[in-house]
Amino acid sequence: MRYNDTCKKKDLIDNSNLDDINLNKNLLFDNFIWLTTKEAAEYLRTSPGQMRKWVYQGRVNAYKLLGKSLRFKKSELDHLIQGGRVWE
């Protein structure tokens, strides 16, 4: 089977729901800038260990998007800086 034949068969698939799926996916992730633990620590001028400690203490929100690694929303870190809730 040639490449063009494969493409034609794929074009026969009903794509009506794909736009809705892509829109929902974009709403979940496009509005946020996600930082790793290391990036968040650098942004807050602290260590990755301190970031994990703050997560454990409930001072900073962290999310597990894929696998075990933590991710932080930059907008939440900005809010913490402005509100001063992070600093000991």
PDB file of N, CA and C in Angstrom:
ATOM      1  N   MET A   1       0.845  -1.176   0.000  1.00  0.00           N
ATOM      2  CA  MET A   1       0.000   0.000   0.000  1.00  0.00           C
ATOM      3  C   MET A   1       0.887   1.235   0.000  1.00  0.00           C
ATOM      4  N   ARG A   2       0.578   2.144  -0.845  1.00  0.00           N
ATOM      5  CA  ARG A   2       1.359   3.370  -0.956  1.00  0.00           C
ATOM      6  C   ARG A   2       0.915   4.383   0.085  1.00  0.00           C
ATOM      7  N   TYR A   3       1.751   5.379   0.300  1.00  0.00           N
ATOM      8  CA  TYR A   3       1.465   6.447   1.266  1.00  0.00           C
ATOM      9  C   TYR A   3       0.166   7.170   0.922  1.00  0.00           C
ATOM     10  N   ASN A   4      -0.034   7.497  -0.346  1.00  0.00           N
ATOM     11  CA  ASN A   4      -1.244   8.222  -0.755  1.00  0.00           C
ATOM     12  C   ASN A   4      -2.506   7.410  -0.495  1.00  0.00           C
ATOM     13  N   ASP A   5      -2.434   6.086  -0.679  1.00  0.00           N
ATOM     14  CA  ASP A   5      -3.590   5.233  -0.404  1.00  0.00           C
ATOM     15  C   ASP A   5      -3.923   5.259   1.083  1.00  0.00           C
ATOM     16  N   THR A   6      -2.903   5.244   1.914  1.00  0.00           N
ATOM     17  CA  THR A   6      -3.112   5.295   3.360  1.00  0.00           C
ATOM     18  C   THR A   6      -3.766   6.608   3.755  1.00  0.00           C
ATOM     19  N   CYS A   7      -3.304   7.704   3.198  1.00  0.00           N
ATOM     20  CA  CYS A   7      -3.876   9.016   3.508  1.00  0.00           C
ATOM     21  C   CYS A   7      -5.342   9.080   3.115  1.00  0.00           C
ATOM     22  N   LYS A   8      -5.669   8.510   1.974  1.00  0.00           N
ATOM     23  CA  LYS A   8      -7.058   8.540   1.524  1.00  0.00           C
ATOM     24  C   LYS A   8      -7.951   7.760   2.481  1.00  0.00           C
ATOM     25  N   LYS A   9      -7.462   6.620   2.978  1.00  0.00           N
ATOM     26  CA  LYS A   9      -8.254   5.835   3.924  1.00  0.00           C
ATOM     27  C   LYS A   9      -8.428   6.588   5.237  1.00  0.00           C
ATOM     28  N   LYS A  10      -7.408   7.278   5.686  1.00  0.00           N
ATOM     29  CA  LYS A  10      -7.513   8.037   6.924  1.00  0.00           C
ATOM     30  C   LYS A  10      -8.492   9.191   6.775  1.00  0.00           C
ATOM     31  N   ASP A  11      -8.594   9.737   5.577  1.00  0.00           N
ATOM     32  CA  ASP A  11      -9.522  10.839   5.333  1.00  0.00           C
ATOM     33  C   ASP A  11     -10.975  10.388   5.446  1.00  0.00           C
ATOM     34  N   LEU A  12     -11.222   9.096   5.344  1.00  0.00           N
ATOM     35  CA  LEU A  12     -12.580   8.579   5.446  1.00  0.00           C
ATOM     36  C   LEU A  12     -13.075   8.533   6.892  1.00  0.00           C
ATOM     37  N   ILE A  13     -12.175   8.646   7.863  1.00  0.00           N
ATOM     38  CA  ILE A  13     -12.555   8.613   9.275  1.00  0.00           C
ATOM     39  C   ILE A  13     -13.345   9.868   9.608  1.00  0.00           C
ATOM     40  N   ASP A  14     -14.397   9.715  10.401  1.00  0.00           N
ATOM     41  CA  ASP A  14     -15.225  10.856  10.809  1.00  0.00           C
ATOM     42  C   ASP A  14     -14.432  11.728  11.776  1.00  0.00           C
ATOM     43  N   ASN A  15     -14.141  12.947  11.362  1.00  0.00           N
ATOM     44  CA  ASN A  15     -13.351  13.876  12.169  1.00  0.00           C
ATOM     45  C   ASN A  15     -14.217  14.914  12.877  1.00  0.00           C
ATOM     46  N   SER A  16     -15.504  14.700  12.967  1.00  0.00           N
ATOM     47  CA  SER A  16     -16.391  15.720  13.531  1.00  0.00           C
ATOM     48  C   SER A  16     -16.096  15.994  15.000  1.00  0.00           C
ATOM     49  N   ASN A  17     -15.661  14.990  15.754  1.00  0.00           N
ATOM     50  CA  ASN A  17     -15.395  15.186  17.180  1.00  0.00           C
ATOM     51  C   ASN A  17     -13.976  15.652  17.463  1.00  0.00           C
ATOM     52  N   LEU A  18     -13.095  15.582  16.493  1.00  0.00           N
ATOM     53  CA  LEU A  18     -11.704  15.953  16.732  1.00  0.00           C
ATOM     54  C   LEU A  18     -11.558  17.422  17.089  1.00  0.00           C
ATOM     55  N   ASP A  19     -12.339  18.288  16.466  1.00  0.00           N
ATOM     56  CA  ASP A  19     -12.261  19.712  16.787  1.00  0.00           C
ATOM     57  C   ASP A  19     -12.658  19.965  18.233  1.00  0.00           C
ATOM     58  N   ASP A  20     -13.695  19.279  18.708  1.00  0.00           N
ATOM     59  CA  ASP A  20     -14.124  19.435  20.099  1.00  0.00           C
ATOM     60  C   ASP A  20     -13.060  18.933  21.061  1.00  0.00           C
ATOM     61  N   ILE A  21     -12.445  17.811  20.730  1.00  0.00           N
ATOM     62  CA  ILE A  21     -11.396  17.254  21.585  1.00  0.00           C
ATOM     63  C   ILE A  21     -10.208  18.200  21.641  1.00  0.00           C
ATOM     64  N   ASN A  22      -9.768  18.707  20.496  1.00  0.00           N
ATOM     65  CA  ASN A  22      -8.634  19.629  20.470  1.00  0.00           C
ATOM     66  C   ASN A  22      -8.947  20.913  21.214  1.00  0.00           C
ATOM     67  N   LEU A  23     -10.162  21.411  21.110  1.00  0.00           N
ATOM     68  CA  LEU A  23     -10.553  22.627  21.815  1.00  0.00           C
ATOM     69  C   LEU A  23     -10.481  22.409  23.321  1.00  0.00           C
ATOM     70  N   ASN A  24     -11.014  21.282  23.802  1.00  0.00           N
ATOM     71  CA  ASN A  24     -10.975  20.994  25.236  1.00  0.00           C
ATOM     72  C   ASN A  24      -9.549  20.835  25.731  1.00  0.00           C
ATOM     73  N   LYS A  25      -8.707  20.176  24.947  1.00  0.00           N
ATOM     74  CA  LYS A  25      -7.308  19.997  25.331  1.00  0.00           C
ATOM     75  C   LYS A  25      -6.616  21.346  25.438  1.00  0.00           C
ATOM     76  N   ASN A  26      -6.865  22.228  24.490  1.00  0.00           N
ATOM     77  CA  ASN A  26      -6.236  23.544  24.509  1.00  0.00           C
ATOM     78  C   ASN A  26      -6.715  24.375  25.686  1.00  0.00           C
ATOM     79  N   LEU A  27      -7.981  24.256  26.049  1.00  0.00           N
ATOM     80  CA  LEU A  27      -8.482  25.005  27.194  1.00  0.00           C
ATOM     81  C   LEU A  27      -7.792  24.567  28.477  1.00  0.00           C
ATOM     82  N   LEU A  28      -7.423  23.306  28.555  1.00  0.00           N
ATOM     83  CA  LEU A  28      -6.762  22.809  29.757  1.00  0.00           C
ATOM     84  C   LEU A  28      -5.330  23.299  29.879  1.00  0.00           C
ATOM     85  N   PHE A  29      -4.618  23.417  28.776  1.00  0.00           N
ATOM     86  CA  PHE A  29      -3.182  23.644  28.861  1.00  0.00           C
ATOM     87  C   PHE A  29      -2.693  24.966  28.290  1.00  0.00           C
ATOM     88  N   ASP A  30      -3.418  25.598  27.380  1.00  0.00           N
ATOM     89  CA  ASP A  30      -2.907  26.804  26.735  1.00  0.00           C
ATOM     90  C   ASP A  30      -2.838  28.004  27.662  1.00  0.00           C
ATOM     91  N   ASN A  31      -3.679  28.055  28.667  1.00  0.00           N
ATOM     92  CA  ASN A  31      -3.725  29.225  29.536  1.00  0.00           C
ATOM     93  C   ASN A  31      -2.690  29.183  30.649  1.00  0.00           C
ATOM     94  N   PHE A  32      -1.893  28.148  30.719  1.00  0.00           N
ATOM     95  CA  PHE A  32      -0.928  28.004  31.799  1.00  0.00           C
ATOM     96  C   PHE A  32       0.483  27.841  31.260  1.00  0.00           C
ATOM     97  N   ILE A  33       1.422  28.388  31.990  1.00  0.00           N
ATOM     98  CA  ILE A  33       2.830  28.099  31.749  1.00  0.00           C
ATOM     99  C   ILE A  33       3.248  27.173  32.877  1.00  0.00           C
ATOM    100  N   TRP A  34       3.666  25.975  32.519  1.00  0.00           N
ATOM    101  CA  TRP A  34       4.029  24.967  33.506  1.00  0.00           C
ATOM    102  C   TRP A  34       5.534  24.973  33.711  1.00  0.00           C
ATOM    103  N   LEU A  35       5.968  24.908  34.969  1.00  0.00           N
ATOM    104  CA  LEU A  35       7.383  24.872  35.312  1.00  0.00           C
ATOM    105  C   LEU A  35       7.704  23.574  36.027  1.00  0.00           C
ATOM    106  N   THR A  36       8.894  23.052  35.779  1.00  0.00           N
ATOM    107  CA  THR A  36       9.371  21.897  36.529  1.00  0.00           C
ATOM    108  C   THR A  36       9.768  22.356  37.928  1.00  0.00           C
ATOM    109  N   THR A  37      10.094  21.408  38.794  1.00  0.00           N
ATOM    110  CA  THR A  37      10.523  21.760  40.150  1.00  0.00           C
ATOM    111  C   THR A  37      11.772  22.628  40.106  1.00  0.00           C
ATOM    112  N   LYS A  38      12.710  22.265  39.251  1.00  0.00           N
ATOM    113  CA  LYS A  38      13.948  23.046  39.136  1.00  0.00           C
ATOM    114  C   LYS A  38      13.664  24.453  38.619  1.00  0.00           C
ATOM    115  N   GLU A  39      12.831  24.563  37.586  1.00  0.00           N
ATOM    116  CA  GLU A  39      12.500  25.874  37.025  1.00  0.00           C
ATOM    117  C   GLU A  39      11.751  26.742  38.037  1.00  0.00           C
ATOM    118  N   ALA A  40      10.822  26.127  38.770  1.00  0.00           N
ATOM    119  CA  ALA A  40      10.065  26.869  39.780  1.00  0.00           C
ATOM    120  C   ALA A  40      10.988  27.345  40.897  1.00  0.00           C
ATOM    121  N   ALA A  41      11.934  26.497  41.290  1.00  0.00           N
ATOM    122  CA  ALA A  41      12.889  26.878  42.330  1.00  0.00           C
ATOM    123  C   ALA A  41      13.747  28.050  41.865  1.00  0.00           C
ATOM    124  N   GLU A  42      14.215  28.000  40.641  1.00  0.00           N
ATOM    125  CA  GLU A  42      15.004  29.113  40.103  1.00  0.00           C
ATOM    126  C   GLU A  42      14.167  30.382  40.030  1.00  0.00           C
ATOM    127  N   TYR A  43      12.910  30.244  39.645  1.00  0.00           N
ATOM    128  CA  TYR A  43      12.018  31.395  39.525  1.00  0.00           C
ATOM    129  C   TYR A  43      11.795  32.057  40.893  1.00  0.00           C
ATOM    130  N   LEU A  44      11.676  31.237  41.944  1.00  0.00           N
ATOM    131  CA  LEU A  44      11.464  31.759  43.296  1.00  0.00           C
ATOM    132  C   LEU A  44      12.770  31.966  44.062  1.00  0.00           C
ATOM    133  N   ARG A  45      13.894  31.706  43.380  1.00  0.00           N
ATOM    134  CA  ARG A  45      15.227  31.872  43.966  1.00  0.00           C
ATOM    135  C   ARG A  45      15.398  31.047  45.245  1.00  0.00           C
ATOM    136  N   THR A  46      15.074  29.776  45.109  1.00  0.00           N
ATOM    137  CA  THR A  46      15.244  28.835  46.202  1.00  0.00           C
ATOM    138  C   THR A  46      15.738  27.517  45.614  1.00  0.00           C
ATOM    139  N   SER A  47      15.774  26.474  46.405  1.00  0.00           N
ATOM    140  CA  SER A  47      16.265  25.179  45.931  1.00  0.00           C
ATOM    141  C   SER A  47      15.099  24.257  45.583  1.00  0.00           C
ATOM    142  N   PRO A  48      15.351  23.255  44.731  1.00  0.00           N
ATOM    143  CA  PRO A  48      14.302  22.274  44.437  1.00  0.00           C
ATOM    144  C   PRO A  48      13.826  21.546  45.699  1.00  0.00           C
ATOM    145  N   GLY A  49      14.740  21.289  46.617  1.00  0.00           N
ATOM    146  CA  GLY A  49      14.365  20.651  47.880  1.00  0.00           C
ATOM    147  C   GLY A  49      13.393  21.504  48.685  1.00  0.00           C
ATOM    148  N   GLN A  50      13.629  22.806  48.691  1.00  0.00           N
ATOM    149  CA  GLN A  50      12.728  23.718  49.397  1.00  0.00           C
ATOM    150  C   GLN A  50      11.358  23.745  48.722  1.00  0.00           C
ATOM    151  N   MET A  51      11.336  23.659  47.393  1.00  0.00           N
ATOM    152  CA  MET A  51      10.056  23.613  46.676  1.00  0.00           C
ATOM    153  C   MET A  51       9.263  22.379  47.087  1.00  0.00           C
ATOM    154  N   ARG A  52       9.937  21.226  47.153  1.00  0.00           N
ATOM    155  CA  ARG A  52       9.253  19.997  47.557  1.00  0.00           C
ATOM    156  C   ARG A  52       8.760  20.102  48.999  1.00  0.00           C
ATOM    157  N   LYS A  53       9.544  20.740  49.853  1.00  0.00           N
ATOM    158  CA  LYS A  53       9.144  20.939  51.250  1.00  0.00           C
ATOM    159  C   LYS A  53       7.884  21.798  51.323  1.00  0.00           C
ATOM    160  N   TRP A  54       7.838  22.886  50.544  1.00  0.00           N
ATOM    161  CA  TRP A  54       6.666  23.760  50.533  1.00  0.00           C
ATOM    162  C   TRP A  54       5.431  23.026  50.014  1.00  0.00           C
ATOM    163  N   VAL A  55       5.631  22.138  49.031  1.00  0.00           N
ATOM    164  CA  VAL A  55       4.509  21.345  48.522  1.00  0.00           C
ATOM    165  C   VAL A  55       3.988  20.445  49.634  1.00  0.00           C
ATOM    166  N   TYR A  56       4.898  19.771  50.333  1.00  0.00           N
ATOM    167  CA  TYR A  56       4.524  18.876  51.430  1.00  0.00           C
ATOM    168  C   TYR A  56       3.793  19.640  52.534  1.00  0.00           C
ATOM    169  N   GLN A  57       4.230  20.859  52.807  1.00  0.00           N
ATOM    170  CA  GLN A  57       3.616  21.683  53.849  1.00  0.00           C
ATOM    171  C   GLN A  57       2.312  22.337  53.389  1.00  0.00           C
ATOM    172  N   GLY A  58       2.003  22.246  52.101  1.00  0.00           N
ATOM    173  CA  GLY A  58       0.784  22.837  51.576  1.00  0.00           C
ATOM    174  C   GLY A  58       0.899  24.316  51.266  1.00  0.00           C
ATOM    175  N   ARG A  59       2.105  24.833  51.220  1.00  0.00           N
ATOM    176  CA  ARG A  59       2.313  26.258  50.935  1.00  0.00           C
ATOM    177  C   ARG A  59       2.288  26.566  49.445  1.00  0.00           C
ATOM    178  N   VAL A  60       2.613  25.568  48.631  1.00  0.00           N
ATOM    179  CA  VAL A  60       2.675  25.741  47.175  1.00  0.00           C
ATOM    180  C   VAL A  60       1.888  24.601  46.533  1.00  0.00           C
ATOM    181  N   ASN A  61       1.092  24.927  45.534  1.00  0.00           N
ATOM    182  CA  ASN A  61       0.367  23.901  44.783  1.00  0.00           C
ATOM    183  C   ASN A  61       1.281  23.289  43.735  1.00  0.00           C
ATOM    184  N   ALA A  62       1.217  21.972  43.611  1.00  0.00           N
ATOM    185  CA  ALA A  62       1.973  21.258  42.583  1.00  0.00           C
ATOM    186  C   ALA A  62       1.038  20.254  41.930  1.00  0.00           C
ATOM    187  N   TYR A  63       1.338  19.932  40.680  1.00  0.00           N
ATOM    188  CA  TYR A  63       0.495  19.037  39.898  1.00  0.00           C
ATOM    189  C   TYR A  63       1.366  17.979  39.252  1.00  0.00           C
ATOM    190  N   LYS A  64       0.819  16.770  39.117  1.00  0.00           N
ATOM    191  CA  LYS A  64       1.500  15.696  38.401  1.00  0.00           C
ATOM    192  C   LYS A  64       0.790  15.534  37.062  1.00  0.00           C
ATOM    193  N   LEU A  65       1.374  16.105  36.019  1.00  0.00           N
ATOM    194  CA  LEU A  65       0.745  16.053  34.698  1.00  0.00           C
ATOM    195  C   LEU A  65       1.003  14.729  34.007  1.00  0.00           C
ATOM    196  N   LEU A  66       2.236  14.315  33.947  1.00  0.00           N
ATOM    197  CA  LEU A  66       2.613  13.057  33.307  1.00  0.00           C
ATOM    198  C   LEU A  66       3.611  12.346  34.205  1.00  0.00           C
ATOM    199  N   GLY A  67       3.280  11.158  34.612  1.00  0.00           N
ATOM    200  CA  GLY A  67       4.211  10.420  35.446  1.00  0.00           C
ATOM    201  C   GLY A  67       4.299  10.958  36.856  1.00  0.00           C
ATOM    202  N   LYS A  68       5.499  10.903  37.423  1.00  0.00           N
ATOM    203  CA  LYS A  68       5.698  11.276  38.818  1.00  0.00           C
ATOM    204  C   LYS A  68       6.197  12.696  39.008  1.00  0.00           C
ATOM    205  N   SER A  69       6.710  13.318  37.976  1.00  0.00           N
ATOM    206  CA  SER A  69       7.343  14.620  38.150  1.00  0.00           C
ATOM    207  C   SER A  69       6.313  15.713  38.417  1.00  0.00           C
ATOM    208  N   LEU A  70       6.670  16.617  39.311  1.00  0.00           N
ATOM    209  CA  LEU A  70       5.794  17.716  39.695  1.00  0.00           C
ATOM    210  C   LEU A  70       5.886  18.852  38.694  1.00  0.00           C
ATOM    211  N   ARG A  71       4.786  19.551  38.525  1.00  0.00           N
ATOM    212  CA  ARG A  71       4.739  20.751  37.701  1.00  0.00           C
ATOM    213  C   ARG A  71       4.038  21.843  38.495  1.00  0.00           C
ATOM    214  N   PHE A  72       4.457  23.073  38.239  1.00  0.00           N
ATOM    215  CA  PHE A  72       3.921  24.230  38.937  1.00  0.00           C
ATOM    216  C   PHE A  72       3.382  25.214  37.909  1.00  0.00           C
ATOM    217  N   LYS A  73       2.242  25.833  38.224  1.00  0.00           N
ATOM    218  CA  LYS A  73       1.693  26.872  37.354  1.00  0.00           C
ATOM    219  C   LYS A  73       2.419  28.175  37.663  1.00  0.00           C
ATOM    220  N   LYS A  74       2.985  28.783  36.642  1.00  0.00           N
ATOM    221  CA  LYS A  74       3.704  30.042  36.829  1.00  0.00           C
ATOM    222  C   LYS A  74       2.781  31.113  37.388  1.00  0.00           C
ATOM    223  N   SER A  75       1.536  31.131  36.955  1.00  0.00           N
ATOM    224  CA  SER A  75       0.584  32.136  37.444  1.00  0.00           C
ATOM    225  C   SER A  75       0.357  32.002  38.949  1.00  0.00           C
ATOM    226  N   GLU A  76       0.356  30.775  39.465  1.00  0.00           N
ATOM    227  CA  GLU A  76       0.200  30.580  40.907  1.00  0.00           C
ATOM    228  C   GLU A  76       1.449  31.027  41.654  1.00  0.00           C
ATOM    229  N   LEU A  77       2.619  30.784  41.061  1.00  0.00           N
ATOM    230  CA  LEU A  77       3.857  31.243  41.695  1.00  0.00           C
ATOM    231  C   LEU A  77       3.899  32.766  41.719  1.00  0.00           C
ATOM    232  N   ASP A  78       3.437  33.404  40.647  1.00  0.00           N
ATOM    233  CA  ASP A  78       3.358  34.871  40.623  1.00  0.00           C
ATOM    234  C   ASP A  78       2.447  35.374  41.736  1.00  0.00           C
ATOM    235  N   HIS A  79       1.326  34.707  41.916  1.00  0.00           N
ATOM    236  CA  HIS A  79       0.379  35.093  42.962  1.00  0.00           C
ATOM    237  C   HIS A  79       1.014  34.930  44.346  1.00  0.00           C
ATOM    238  N   LEU A  80       1.759  33.864  44.526  1.00  0.00           N
ATOM    239  CA  LEU A  80       2.427  33.638  45.811  1.00  0.00           C
ATOM    240  C   LEU A  80       3.469  34.713  46.093  1.00  0.00           C
ATOM    241  N   ILE A  81       4.188  35.117  45.054  1.00  0.00           N
ATOM    242  CA  ILE A  81       5.193  36.176  45.227  1.00  0.00           C
ATOM    243  C   ILE A  81       4.505  37.476  45.636  1.00  0.00           C
ATOM    244  N   GLN A  82       3.434  37.809  44.967  1.00  0.00           N
ATOM    245  CA  GLN A  82       2.732  39.059  45.259  1.00  0.00           C
ATOM    246  C   GLN A  82       2.066  39.029  46.631  1.00  0.00           C
ATOM    247  N   GLY A  83       1.541  37.868  47.010  1.00  0.00           N
ATOM    248  CA  GLY A  83       0.861  37.751  48.296  1.00  0.00           C
ATOM    249  C   GLY A  83       1.798  37.466  49.452  1.00  0.00           C
ATOM    250  N   GLY A  84       3.018  37.059  49.135  1.00  0.00           N
ATOM    251  CA  GLY A  84       3.999  36.777  50.172  1.00  0.00           C
ATOM    252  C   GLY A  84       3.716  35.533  50.985  1.00  0.00           C
ATOM    253  N   ARG A  85       2.873  34.631  50.476  1.00  0.00           N
ATOM    254  CA  ARG A  85       2.522  33.440  51.241  1.00  0.00           C
ATOM    255  C   ARG A  85       3.613  32.385  51.238  1.00  0.00           C
ATOM    256  N   VAL A  86       4.525  32.442  50.295  1.00  0.00           N
ATOM    257  CA  VAL A  86       5.543  31.397  50.188  1.00  0.00           C
ATOM    258  C   VAL A  86       6.646  31.577  51.214  1.00  0.00           C
ATOM    259  N   TRP A  87       7.044  32.799  51.437  1.00  0.00           N
ATOM    260  CA  TRP A  87       8.246  33.057  52.225  1.00  0.00           C
ATOM    261  C   TRP A  87       8.037  32.758  53.697  1.00  0.00           C
ATOM    262  N   GLU A  88       9.058  32.150  54.303  1.00  0.00           N
ATOM    263  CA  GLU A  88       9.014  31.784  55.725  1.00  0.00           C
ATOM    264  C   GLU A  88       9.331  32.975  56.592  1.00  0.00           C
TER     265      GLU A  88
END
